[in-house]
Amino acid sequence: QLQLVESGGGLVQPGGSLRLSCLASGSSLGYYAIGWIRQAPGKDREAVSCVSYSHGKTNYADSVKGRFTISRDDAKNTVYLQRNSLKPEDTAVYYCAALTFATAETMCARRLKYDAFGQGTQVTVSS
C-alpha cells in the first residue's frame, strides 16, 4: 500500500522560495498521478499542482501558475513542489495525494477518495 510523507515546510518571507518533497513508500510511484493539495484555515482544500502518472504532464491552479513547479523523480520515489514568489495567501497545510494511473487534470479535479494521502506539512508565508 502506497504511503506518502511530505517534508520541507516552514516559515518563509513574502517573495521567498521553498521546495516541498513528497516521498513515497510501499509501492512504485510510477503507477500514480500525484497532486499537491493545500488547505488554509477556514478554507476548502485546493489542488494547486498535479503531475500525471506517465509522461510528466502537469496541471496548475490559476492562483499558482508561473510561481509553482511540480516535478517527479520516480527513481527516488519523490515528487517535488518548487514554490517561488511566495505570498501570504500561500500559507496553508500542504498535502500530497496519489491516484492510480490518472492524468494531471483528473488528479487536480479529484476532491475525495485518493489512493493515498499524506499527513501534511505547514507552510507559513509571513514577514
Protein backbone atom coordinates (compact mmCIF):
# COMPACT_ATOMS: atom_id res chain seq x y z
CA GLN A 1 0.00 0.00 0.00
CA LEU A 2 1.36 3.37 -1.02
CA GLN A 3 2.28 5.75 1.79
CA LEU A 4 3.23 9.42 1.33
CA VAL A 5 5.28 11.65 3.60
CA GLU A 6 5.67 15.39 2.98
CA SER A 7 8.62 17.49 4.10
CA GLY A 8 10.14 20.90 3.53
CA GLY A 9 7.57 23.17 5.11
CA GLY A 10 8.37 26.08 7.36
CA LEU A 11 8.32 29.84 7.71
CA VAL A 12 9.32 31.96 4.72
CA GLN A 13 9.13 35.66 3.99
CA PRO A 14 6.92 37.03 1.22
CA GLY A 15 8.73 36.81 -2.10
CA GLY A 16 10.81 33.88 -0.89
CA SER A 17 11.09 30.33 -2.18
CA LEU A 18 10.60 26.92 -0.68
CA ARG A 19 10.68 23.39 -2.05
CA LEU A 20 8.41 20.71 -0.71
CA SER A 21 9.06 16.99 -1.12
CA CYS A 22 6.68 14.07 -1.14
CA LEU A 23 8.39 10.73 -0.51
CA ALA A 24 6.50 7.58 -1.41
CA SER A 25 6.97 4.12 0.06
CA GLY A 26 5.22 0.79 -0.13
CA SER A 27 4.80 0.86 -3.90
CA SER A 28 6.39 2.26 -7.01
CA LEU A 29 5.50 5.90 -7.54
CA GLY A 30 5.41 5.36 -11.28
CA TYR A 31 1.87 3.98 -11.19
CA TYR A 32 0.41 7.13 -9.67
CA ALA A 33 -0.51 10.65 -10.54
CA ILE A 34 0.50 12.94 -7.68
CA GLY A 35 -1.11 16.16 -6.60
CA TRP A 36 -0.23 18.85 -4.10
CA ILE A 37 -3.31 19.97 -2.22
CA ARG A 38 -3.38 22.78 0.29
CA GLN A 39 -5.81 23.83 2.96
CA ALA A 40 -5.74 27.18 4.68
CA PRO A 41 -7.63 27.82 7.91
CA GLY A 42 -11.33 28.27 7.24
CA LYS A 43 -10.99 27.46 3.55
CA ASP A 44 -11.70 24.46 1.37
CA ARG A 45 -8.94 22.24 0.09
CA GLU A 46 -7.39 23.42 -3.15
CA ALA A 47 -5.39 21.27 -5.57
CA VAL A 48 -2.60 23.57 -6.65
CA SER A 49 -0.28 21.38 -8.72
CA CYS A 50 -0.56 17.90 -10.22
CA VAL A 51 1.57 15.63 -12.35
CA SER A 52 0.35 12.69 -14.40
CA TYR A 53 1.44 9.11 -13.77
CA SER A 54 3.28 8.97 -17.11
CA HIS A 55 4.90 11.48 -19.44
CA GLY A 56 5.13 14.00 -16.60
CA LYS A 57 2.31 16.23 -17.81
CA THR A 58 1.35 18.89 -15.30
CA ASN A 59 -1.65 20.93 -14.24
CA TYR A 60 -1.74 24.06 -12.09
CA ALA A 61 -4.34 26.15 -10.34
CA ASP A 62 -4.57 29.69 -11.69
CA SER A 63 -3.52 31.02 -8.31
CA VAL A 64 -0.05 29.46 -8.60
CA LYS A 65 0.67 29.40 -12.34
CA GLY A 66 4.07 30.82 -13.09
CA ARG A 67 5.17 30.57 -9.45
CA PHE A 68 4.94 26.86 -8.59
CA THR A 69 6.58 23.96 -10.43
CA ILE A 70 5.80 20.32 -9.80
CA SER A 71 8.24 17.60 -10.82
CA ARG A 72 8.74 13.92 -10.17
CA ASP A 73 11.74 11.64 -9.82
CA ASP A 74 10.39 8.12 -9.95
CA ALA A 75 13.84 6.65 -9.34
CA LYS A 76 13.81 8.38 -5.96
CA ASN A 77 10.08 7.78 -5.43
CA THR A 78 9.74 11.50 -4.80
CA VAL A 79 7.64 14.36 -6.11
CA TYR A 80 8.71 17.95 -5.57
CA LEU A 81 6.90 21.27 -5.46
CA GLN A 82 9.14 24.25 -6.07
CA ARG A 83 7.39 27.39 -4.94
CA ASN A 84 8.72 30.83 -5.80
CA SER A 85 7.46 34.37 -5.23
CA LEU A 86 5.53 33.22 -2.21
CA LYS A 87 2.64 35.29 -0.94
CA PRO A 88 0.93 35.38 2.46
CA GLU A 89 -2.12 33.77 0.84
CA ASP A 90 0.03 30.70 0.11
CA THR A 91 0.02 29.98 3.84
CA ALA A 92 -1.59 26.58 4.35
CA VAL A 93 -1.00 22.97 5.21
CA TYR A 94 0.26 21.27 2.06
CA TYR A 95 -0.59 17.64 1.42
CA CYS A 96 0.43 15.29 -1.36
CA ALA A 97 -2.05 12.78 -2.70
CA ALA A 98 -1.92 9.91 -5.17
CA LEU A 99 -4.32 8.49 -7.73
CA THR A 100 -3.58 5.35 -9.74
CA PHE A 101 -2.99 5.76 -13.49
CA ALA A 102 -4.52 9.22 -13.60
CA THR A 103 -3.88 12.28 -15.71
CA ALA A 104 -2.80 15.53 -14.10
CA GLU A 105 -6.21 17.05 -14.84
CA THR A 106 -8.07 14.18 -13.21
CA MET A 107 -5.77 14.35 -10.19
CA CYS A 108 -6.37 18.06 -9.69
CA ALA A 109 -10.14 17.69 -10.15
CA ARG A 110 -10.41 14.93 -7.54
CA ARG A 111 -11.68 16.02 -4.13
CA LEU A 112 -12.15 12.74 -2.27
CA LYS A 113 -11.14 9.08 -2.28
CA TYR A 114 -7.49 9.32 -3.14
CA ASP A 115 -5.44 6.14 -3.23
CA ALA A 116 -3.01 7.70 -0.74
CA PHE A 117 -2.86 10.95 1.22
CA GLY A 118 -0.01 12.32 3.29
CA GLN A 119 -0.05 13.85 6.76
CA GLY A 120 0.73 17.36 5.52
CA THR A 121 3.41 19.97 6.12
CA GLN A 122 2.73 23.51 7.33
CA VAL A 123 3.90 26.43 5.24
CA THR A 124 3.67 29.95 6.63
CA VAL A 125 4.46 32.99 4.50
CA SER A 126 4.91 36.00 6.73
CA SER A 127 7.30 38.83 7.41
